[in-house]
Amino acid sequence: YAEIAPNDSLSIIHNAAIAIPGQFDVSDEDLLLSHIQTNVIAPLLITKRLLPLLSAHQRVLHISSGAAMHPISGLMPYCASKAAMQMAMQCLNEELSAKGIHCGNLRPGMVDTPMQTGLIDAGGDVLPTMQIYRDALPGGKLISPERVAKFTAWVLLKTEDKAFGETLWNIYDDSHLVNWGVS
């Protein structure tokens, strides 16, 4: 942080998140608090801390999830925190776009990461939809981190400012494929 000077090329990507399965009625307060602190509060505080270093044409990108708009039994804290952060980025875009700083949301899809392993290993009593995650790997439905990185780089570096902030960038949106070099 101390070595970054204002007007250096700087964009922020908020990708860290937790998704710990658990039924709400039997979970403890710590499950909800840890999701909100990690998935919402931490990225907002990081953005606030780095905001003085951002200038026109710099960007803040939140890695969202389909869970932000689609409820999943057993993942309520994750879904709610992703929805909150997605809305926060939309609000920040409204506030900051006049200064030339644009905030966006990107949905990478089901990515082949350790988070998916945790969902695959969850029991059906904790995560009733766990079979979706178990079927994704052998079904070829998990997206490689390399593919997500290529999509993210295109969204972050090659899209127009207005579109960056106003579009919910979804890796499954086929209309973008030609633009980021994947067929």
Foldseek 3Di string as FASTA:
>chain_A
DVPQAAPDADAAEADDAAFAFAAPVPDDPVVLVVRQVGLPVVVVVVCVVCVVRDAAPYEYEYEAEPLCPDPFGRRVSNNVSRVVRQVVQLVVQVVCVVRRYAYAYEYLFAAPDVNLVNLCPDDCVRGVPSVVSVCCVVVVNHDYPVLSVLQVCCLRPPDDRVCSRPDHHYPPPVVCQVVSPHD
